[in-house]
Each structure stands twice: as C-alpha cells, then as structure tokens.
PDB file of N, CA and C in Angstrom:
ATOM      1  N   MET A   1      26.734  22.568  55.899  1.00  0.00           N
ATOM      2  CA  MET A   1      26.468  23.771  55.833  1.00  0.00           C
ATOM      3  C   MET A   1      26.114  23.737  57.546  1.00  0.00           C
ATOM      4  N   GLU A   2      26.172  24.427  58.625  1.00  0.00           N
ATOM      5  CA  GLU A   2      26.168  24.850  59.883  1.00  0.00           C
ATOM      6  C   GLU A   2      24.511  25.171  59.945  1.00  0.00           C
ATOM      7  N   LYS A   3      24.009  24.220  61.025  1.00  0.00           N
ATOM      8  CA  LYS A   3      22.693  25.124  61.490  1.00  0.00           C
ATOM      9  C   LYS A   3      22.657  25.996  62.641  1.00  0.00           C
ATOM     10  N   GLU A   4      22.443  26.729  62.119  1.00  0.00           N
ATOM     11  CA  GLU A   4      21.891  28.231  63.261  1.00  0.00           C
ATOM     12  C   GLU A   4      21.210  28.546  65.607  1.00  0.00           C
ATOM     13  N   ILE A   5      22.342  28.331  66.280  1.00  0.00           N
ATOM     14  CA  ILE A   5      22.067  27.832  67.346  1.00  0.00           C
ATOM     15  C   ILE A   5      21.269  28.739  67.444  1.00  0.00           C
ATOM     16  N   VAL A   6      20.422  29.261  68.922  1.00  0.00           N
ATOM     17  CA  VAL A   6      19.660  30.967  69.034  1.00  0.00           C
ATOM     18  C   VAL A   6      19.702  30.022  70.884  1.00  0.00           C
ATOM     19  N   LEU A   7      19.521  30.917  71.120  1.00  0.00           N
ATOM     20  CA  LEU A   7      18.787  30.940  72.869  1.00  0.00           C
ATOM     21  C   LEU A   7      17.893  31.171  73.152  1.00  0.00           C
ATOM     22  N   TYR A   8      17.064  30.299  73.670  1.00  0.00           N
ATOM     23  CA  TYR A   8      15.512  30.011  73.670  1.00  0.00           C
ATOM     24  C   TYR A   8      15.517  30.093  75.137  1.00  0.00           C
ATOM     25  N   ARG A   9      15.729  30.112  76.292  1.00  0.00           N
ATOM     26  CA  ARG A   9      14.981  30.853  77.720  1.00  0.00           C
ATOM     27  C   ARG A   9      16.289  30.543  78.610  1.00  0.00           C
ATOM     28  N   THR A  10      15.988  31.335  79.239  1.00  0.00           N
ATOM     29  CA  THR A  10      17.255  31.396  80.297  1.00  0.00           C
ATOM     30  C   THR A  10      16.884  30.643  81.885  1.00  0.00           C
ATOM     31  N   PHE A  11      17.192  30.400  82.813  1.00  0.00           N
ATOM     32  CA  PHE A  11      16.647  30.267  83.625  1.00  0.00           C
ATOM     33  C   PHE A  11      17.238  30.515  85.227  1.00  0.00           C
ATOM     34  N   ASP A  12      16.746  30.714  86.615  1.00  0.00           N
ATOM     35  CA  ASP A  12      17.687  30.858  87.125  1.00  0.00           C
ATOM     36  C   ASP A  12      17.877  29.440  88.090  1.00  0.00           C
ATOM     37  N   SER A  13      17.125  28.312  87.615  1.00  0.00           N
ATOM     38  CA  SER A  13      17.269  27.279  88.413  1.00  0.00           C
ATOM     39  C   SER A  13      17.802  26.378  87.503  1.00  0.00           C
ATOM     40  N   SER A  14      18.667  25.453  88.149  1.00  0.00           N
ATOM     41  CA  SER A  14      18.989  24.265  87.580  1.00  0.00           C
ATOM     42  C   SER A  14      18.459  23.340  87.279  1.00  0.00           C
ATOM     43  N   VAL A  15      17.177  23.049  87.933  1.00  0.00           N
ATOM     44  CA  VAL A  15      16.193  22.315  88.564  1.00  0.00           C
ATOM     45  C   VAL A  15      15.076  22.627  87.038  1.00  0.00           C
ATOM     46  N   GLU A  16      15.117  23.677  87.465  1.00  0.00           N
ATOM     47  CA  GLU A  16      13.982  23.380  86.109  1.00  0.00           C
ATOM     48  C   GLU A  16      14.213  23.490  84.516  1.00  0.00           C
ATOM     49  N   ALA A  17      15.399  23.887  84.714  1.00  0.00           N
ATOM     50  CA  ALA A  17      16.170  24.183  83.410  1.00  0.00           C
ATOM     51  C   ALA A  17      16.263  22.453  83.206  1.00  0.00           C
ATOM     52  N   ASN A  18      17.117  21.844  83.318  1.00  0.00           N
ATOM     53  CA  ASN A  18      16.657  20.796  83.596  1.00  0.00           C
ATOM     54  C   ASN A  18      14.837  20.139  82.685  1.00  0.00           C
ATOM     55  N   ILE A  19      14.447  20.085  83.448  1.00  0.00           N
ATOM     56  CA  ILE A  19      12.867  19.759  83.427  1.00  0.00           C
ATOM     57  C   ILE A  19      12.882  19.846  81.834  1.00  0.00           C
ATOM     58  N   VAL A  20      13.089  21.377  81.844  1.00  0.00           N
ATOM     59  CA  VAL A  20      12.821  21.603  80.202  1.00  0.00           C
ATOM     60  C   VAL A  20      13.457  20.998  78.788  1.00  0.00           C
ATOM     61  N   LYS A  21      14.761  20.902  79.352  1.00  0.00           N
ATOM     62  CA  LYS A  21      15.346  20.242  78.126  1.00  0.00           C
ATOM     63  C   LYS A  21      14.988  18.944  78.413  1.00  0.00           C
ATOM     64  N   ASP A  22      14.710  18.004  79.209  1.00  0.00           N
ATOM     65  CA  ASP A  22      14.462  16.902  78.831  1.00  0.00           C
ATOM     66  C   ASP A  22      13.613  16.918  78.189  1.00  0.00           C
ATOM     67  N   VAL A  23      11.778  17.692  78.330  1.00  0.00           N
ATOM     68  CA  VAL A  23      10.767  17.246  78.152  1.00  0.00           C
ATOM     69  C   VAL A  23      11.227  18.248  76.452  1.00  0.00           C
ATOM     70  N   LEU A  24      11.752  18.616  75.743  1.00  0.00           N
ATOM     71  CA  LEU A  24      11.853  18.825  74.386  1.00  0.00           C
ATOM     72  C   LEU A  24      12.636  17.236  74.563  1.00  0.00           C
ATOM     73  N   GLU A  25      14.052  17.410  74.539  1.00  0.00           N
ATOM     74  CA  GLU A  25      14.764  16.351  73.867  1.00  0.00           C
ATOM     75  C   GLU A  25      13.994  15.100  74.350  1.00  0.00           C
ATOM     76  N   THR A  26      12.922  14.758  74.792  1.00  0.00           N
ATOM     77  CA  THR A  26      11.781  13.735  74.388  1.00  0.00           C
ATOM     78  C   THR A  26      11.132  13.746  73.478  1.00  0.00           C
ATOM     79  N   ASN A  27      10.824  15.097  73.452  1.00  0.00           N
ATOM     80  CA  ASN A  27       9.751  15.265  71.926  1.00  0.00           C
ATOM     81  C   ASN A  27      10.916  15.319  70.561  1.00  0.00           C
ATOM     82  N   GLY A  28      11.867  15.172  71.250  1.00  0.00           N
ATOM     83  CA  GLY A  28      12.617  15.260  68.975  1.00  0.00           C
ATOM     84  C   GLY A  28      13.282  16.655  69.349  1.00  0.00           C
ATOM     85  N   VAL A  29      13.472  17.728  70.241  1.00  0.00           N
ATOM     86  CA  VAL A  29      14.243  19.080  70.106  1.00  0.00           C
ATOM     87  C   VAL A  29      15.353  19.059  70.727  1.00  0.00           C
ATOM     88  N   PRO A  30      16.479  18.933  69.915  1.00  0.00           N
ATOM     89  CA  PRO A  30      17.520  19.094  69.654  1.00  0.00           C
ATOM     90  C   PRO A  30      18.086  20.284  71.122  1.00  0.00           C
ATOM     91  N   CYS A  31      18.459  20.345  72.393  1.00  0.00           N
ATOM     92  CA  CYS A  31      19.222  21.059  72.808  1.00  0.00           C
ATOM     93  C   CYS A  31      20.201  20.895  73.797  1.00  0.00           C
ATOM     94  N   PHE A  32      20.543  22.310  74.836  1.00  0.00           N
ATOM     95  CA  PHE A  32      21.762  21.756  75.686  1.00  0.00           C
ATOM     96  C   PHE A  32      22.078  23.049  76.140  1.00  0.00           C
ATOM     97  N   LEU A  33      22.054  22.809  77.737  1.00  0.00           N
ATOM     98  CA  LEU A  33      22.629  23.949  78.677  1.00  0.00           C
ATOM     99  C   LEU A  33      23.636  24.723  78.704  1.00  0.00           C
ATOM    100  N   SER A  34      24.080  25.954  78.872  1.00  0.00           N
ATOM    101  CA  SER A  34      25.339  26.561  78.638  1.00  0.00           C
ATOM    102  C   SER A  34      24.933  27.544  80.336  1.00  0.00           C
ATOM    103  N   ASN A  35      26.615  27.505  80.844  1.00  0.00           N
ATOM    104  CA  ASN A  35      26.081  28.007  81.354  1.00  0.00           C
ATOM    105  C   ASN A  35      25.957  27.914  82.962  1.00  0.00           C
ATOM    106  N   GLU A  36      25.120  26.814  83.245  1.00  0.00           N
ATOM    107  CA  GLU A  36      24.706  25.551  83.828  1.00  0.00           C
ATOM    108  C   GLU A  36      26.173  25.581  85.388  1.00  0.00           C
ATOM    109  N   ILE A  37      27.724  25.480  84.732  1.00  0.00           N
ATOM    110  CA  ILE A  37      28.284  25.026  85.837  1.00  0.00           C
ATOM    111  C   ILE A  37      28.746  26.542  86.650  1.00  0.00           C
ATOM    112  N   PHE A  38      28.908  28.083  86.006  1.00  0.00           N
ATOM    113  CA  PHE A  38      29.140  29.050  86.300  1.00  0.00           C
ATOM    114  C   PHE A  38      28.090  29.821  87.232  1.00  0.00           C
ATOM    115  N   SER A  39      26.786  29.003  86.979  1.00  0.00           N
ATOM    116  CA  SER A  39      25.755  30.158  87.467  1.00  0.00           C
ATOM    117  C   SER A  39      25.905  29.235  89.488  1.00  0.00           C
ATOM    118  N   SER A  40      26.449  27.431  89.530  1.00  0.00           N
ATOM    119  CA  SER A  40      25.817  26.967  90.426  1.00  0.00           C
ATOM    120  C   SER A  40      27.399  27.281  91.293  1.00  0.00           C
ATOM    121  N   VAL A  41      28.503  27.339  90.727  1.00  0.00           N
ATOM    122  CA  VAL A  41      29.727  28.395  91.091  1.00  0.00           C
ATOM    123  C   VAL A  41      29.672  29.584  92.163  1.00  0.00           C
ATOM    124  N   LEU A  42      28.776  30.241  91.292  1.00  0.00           N
ATOM    125  CA  LEU A  42      28.219  32.002  91.557  1.00  0.00           C
ATOM    126  C   LEU A  42      27.191  32.215  91.315  1.00  0.00           C
ATOM    127  N   PRO A  43      26.074  32.272  92.094  1.00  0.00           N
ATOM    128  CA  PRO A  43      25.353  32.174  91.387  1.00  0.00           C
ATOM    129  C   PRO A  43      24.305  34.360  91.634  1.00  0.00           C
ATOM    130  N   LEU A  44      23.929  34.111  91.077  1.00  0.00           N
ATOM    131  CA  LEU A  44      23.795  35.521  90.626  1.00  0.00           C
ATOM    132  C   LEU A  44      22.439  35.199  90.148  1.00  0.00           C
ATOM    133  N   THR A  45      21.846  35.818  91.016  1.00  0.00           N
ATOM    134  CA  THR A  45      20.040  35.849  91.419  1.00  0.00           C
ATOM    135  C   THR A  45      19.547  37.047  90.557  1.00  0.00           C
ATOM    136  N   ASN A  46      18.502  36.594  89.982  1.00  0.00           N
ATOM    137  CA  ASN A  46      17.905  37.804  87.908  1.00  0.00           C
ATOM    138  C   ASN A  46      19.406  37.915  87.689  1.00  0.00           C
ATOM    139  N   SER A  47      19.921  37.396  87.083  1.00  0.00           N
ATOM    140  CA  SER A  47      21.012  38.395  86.076  1.00  0.00           C
ATOM    141  C   SER A  47      20.994  37.408  85.155  1.00  0.00           C
ATOM    142  N   SER A  48      21.419  38.376  83.861  1.00  0.00           N
ATOM    143  CA  SER A  48      21.775  38.041  83.044  1.00  0.00           C
ATOM    144  C   SER A  48      23.422  37.231  82.230  1.00  0.00           C
ATOM    145  N   VAL A  49      24.007  37.418  83.698  1.00  0.00           N
ATOM    146  CA  VAL A  49      25.001  36.817  83.162  1.00  0.00           C
ATOM    147  C   VAL A  49      24.900  35.211  83.934  1.00  0.00           C
ATOM    148  N   GLY A  50      24.706  35.407  85.612  1.00  0.00           N
ATOM    149  CA  GLY A  50      24.958  33.430  85.784  1.00  0.00           C
ATOM    150  C   GLY A  50      23.443  32.965  84.981  1.00  0.00           C
ATOM    151  N   ALA A  51      23.321  33.750  84.815  1.00  0.00           N
ATOM    152  CA  ALA A  51      21.278  32.547  84.120  1.00  0.00           C
ATOM    153  C   ALA A  51      22.049  32.231  83.709  1.00  0.00           C
ATOM    154  N   ILE A  52      21.062  30.219  83.372  1.00  0.00           N
ATOM    155  CA  ILE A  52      21.276  28.677  82.777  1.00  0.00           C
ATOM    156  C   ILE A  52      20.908  29.273  81.751  1.00  0.00           C
ATOM    157  N   ARG A  53      20.991  28.998  80.067  1.00  0.00           N
ATOM    158  CA  ARG A  53      20.858  29.547  79.399  1.00  0.00           C
ATOM    159  C   ARG A  53      20.285  28.747  78.505  1.00  0.00           C
ATOM    160  N   LEU A  54      19.469  27.792  77.998  1.00  0.00           N
ATOM    161  CA  LEU A  54      18.988  26.764  77.109  1.00  0.00           C
ATOM    162  C   LEU A  54      18.842  27.373  75.561  1.00  0.00           C
ATOM    163  N   ASN A  55      19.143  26.199  74.732  1.00  0.00           N
ATOM    164  CA  ASN A  55      20.042  26.339  73.678  1.00  0.00           C
ATOM    165  C   ASN A  55      19.024  25.473  72.680  1.00  0.00           C
ATOM    166  N   VAL A  56      18.716  26.225  71.519  1.00  0.00           N
ATOM    167  CA  VAL A  56      18.166  25.114  70.505  1.00  0.00           C
ATOM    168  C   VAL A  56      18.328  25.634  69.040  1.00  0.00           C
ATOM    169  N   PHE A  57      18.469  24.668  68.342  1.00  0.00           N
ATOM    170  CA  PHE A  57      19.023  25.319  66.982  1.00  0.00           C
ATOM    171  C   PHE A  57      17.075  26.214  66.315  1.00  0.00           C
ATOM    172  N   ALA A  58      17.591  26.784  65.361  1.00  0.00           N
ATOM    173  CA  ALA A  58      16.653  28.140  65.443  1.00  0.00           C
ATOM    174  C   ALA A  58      15.617  27.281  64.614  1.00  0.00           C
ATOM    175  N   GLU A  59      15.504  26.296  63.206  1.00  0.00           N
ATOM    176  CA  GLU A  59      15.136  25.822  63.013  1.00  0.00           C
ATOM    177  C   GLU A  59      13.916  25.197  63.567  1.00  0.00           C
ATOM    178  N   ASP A  60      14.419  24.726  65.097  1.00  0.00           N
ATOM    179  CA  ASP A  60      13.466  23.710  65.635  1.00  0.00           C
ATOM    180  C   ASP A  60      12.319  24.810  67.248  1.00  0.00           C
ATOM    181  N   VAL A  61      12.459  26.590  67.201  1.00  0.00           N
ATOM    182  CA  VAL A  61      11.447  27.126  68.101  1.00  0.00           C
ATOM    183  C   VAL A  61      10.464  27.135  67.763  1.00  0.00           C
ATOM    184  N   ASP A  62      10.245  26.652  66.934  1.00  0.00           N
ATOM    185  CA  ASP A  62       8.120  26.901  66.607  1.00  0.00           C
ATOM    186  C   ASP A  62       8.098  25.539  67.657  1.00  0.00           C
ATOM    187  N   LYS A  63       8.428  24.311  67.062  1.00  0.00           N
ATOM    188  CA  LYS A  63       8.202  22.832  67.794  1.00  0.00           C
ATOM    189  C   LYS A  63       8.183  23.203  69.180  1.00  0.00           C
ATOM    190  N   ALA A  64       9.486  23.745  69.839  1.00  0.00           N
ATOM    191  CA  ALA A  64       9.909  23.885  70.712  1.00  0.00           C
ATOM    192  C   ALA A  64       8.562  24.430  71.760  1.00  0.00           C
ATOM    193  N   ASP A  65       7.884  25.543  71.100  1.00  0.00           N
ATOM    194  CA  ASP A  65       6.998  26.320  71.122  1.00  0.00           C
ATOM    195  C   ASP A  65       6.462  25.429  71.492  1.00  0.00           C
ATOM    196  N   MET A  66       5.862  25.232  70.557  1.00  0.00           N
ATOM    197  CA  MET A  66       4.075  24.153  70.236  1.00  0.00           C
ATOM    198  C   MET A  66       4.007  22.711  71.310  1.00  0.00           C
ATOM    199  N   ILE A  67       5.635  22.686  71.706  1.00  0.00           N
ATOM    200  CA  ILE A  67       6.212  21.396  72.752  1.00  0.00           C
ATOM    201  C   ILE A  67       5.795  21.686  73.897  1.00  0.00           C
ATOM    202  N   LEU A  68       6.458  22.737  74.536  1.00  0.00           N
ATOM    203  CA  LEU A  68       5.985  23.625  76.240  1.00  0.00           C
ATOM    204  C   LEU A  68       4.721  24.730  76.008  1.00  0.00           C
ATOM    205  N   SER A  69       4.453  24.550  75.271  1.00  0.00           N
ATOM    206  CA  SER A  69       2.864  25.732  75.303  1.00  0.00           C
ATOM    207  C   SER A  69       1.272  23.983  75.824  1.00  0.00           C
ATOM    208  N   SER A  70       2.168  22.888  75.363  1.00  0.00           N
ATOM    209  CA  SER A  70       1.140  22.061  75.897  1.00  0.00           C
ATOM    210  C   SER A  70       1.717  21.490  76.433  1.00  0.00           C
ATOM    211  N   THR A  71       2.737  20.910  77.109  1.00  0.00           N
ATOM    212  CA  THR A  71       3.248  20.404  78.564  1.00  0.00           C
ATOM    213  C   THR A  71       3.153  21.388  79.669  1.00  0.00           C
ATOM    214  N   THR A  72       2.656  20.325  80.662  1.00  0.00           N
ATOM    215  CA  THR A  72       2.228  21.263  82.323  1.00  0.00           C
ATOM    216  C   THR A  72       4.077  20.873  82.326  1.00  0.00           C
ATOM    217  N   LEU A  73       4.567  22.104  83.226  1.00  0.00           N
ATOM    218  CA  LEU A  73       5.522  21.905  84.532  1.00  0.00           C
ATOM    219  C   LEU A  73       5.301  22.286  85.169  1.00  0.00           C
ATOM    220  N   PRO A  74       6.268  21.703  86.216  1.00  0.00           N
ATOM    221  CA  PRO A  74       6.064  21.498  87.667  1.00  0.00           C
ATOM    222  C   PRO A  74       6.011  23.646  87.478  1.00  0.00           C
ATOM    223  N   GLU A  75       5.529  24.057  89.234  1.00  0.00           N
ATOM    224  CA  GLU A  75       5.705  25.413  89.320  1.00  0.00           C
ATOM    225  C   GLU A  75       6.599  25.794  89.609  1.00  0.00           C
ATOM    226  N   SER A  76       7.487  27.008  89.324  1.00  0.00           N
ATOM    227  CA  SER A  76       8.593  27.215  90.144  1.00  0.00           C
ATOM    228  C   SER A  76       8.610  27.636  91.090  1.00  0.00           C
ATOM    229  N   LYS A  77       9.284  27.587  93.002  1.00  0.00           N
ATOM    230  CA  LYS A  77       9.197  28.504  93.961  1.00  0.00           C
ATOM    231  C   LYS A  77      10.051  29.399  94.328  1.00  0.00           C
ATOM    232  N   GLU A  78       9.820  30.299  94.053  1.00  0.00           N
ATOM    233  CA  GLU A  78      10.338  31.430  94.125  1.00  0.00           C
ATOM    234  C   GLU A  78      10.287  32.253  94.801  1.00  0.00           C
TER     235      GLU A  78
END
C-alpha cells in the first residue's frame, strides 16, 4: 500500500524551505522539496507556479504541525 504524499507548505525562498525541511527531517518527519530548481531558474515572486513545495506523507501532517509550532525558525526578510 502506497502512502499518500501531500503538499504541506510553499516557499518563495530556497533557504527558508531547506531550513523547514531540515527541522522536520531532524525530528523524524520524512519530507522532500519539489519545484526547487524551476523556482531558481525562473523566479516568479508570490506565484504558486514558481513556489518551492514542501511535501510530506499525509499521516505526518499533524506531527509536522506540532514540531513547527514548537520550533523557533528564523524570520524571513522580504
């Protein structure tokens, strides 16, 4: 049986996306980024097309929410 993969969050910044990904992976939540290369080649600010996508398994969404709500992440500068 295959696990369902869901879009968890989107980011305009590769740095921010990788920080969140690393926090989740360090805490046992498997995840991966998609659209990262496309967004660096053709940056489309504030566009769902150009956004970097963080994907997780559907069964891990609640765990990811809990981890990120209790973790202080660097503020993004926009």
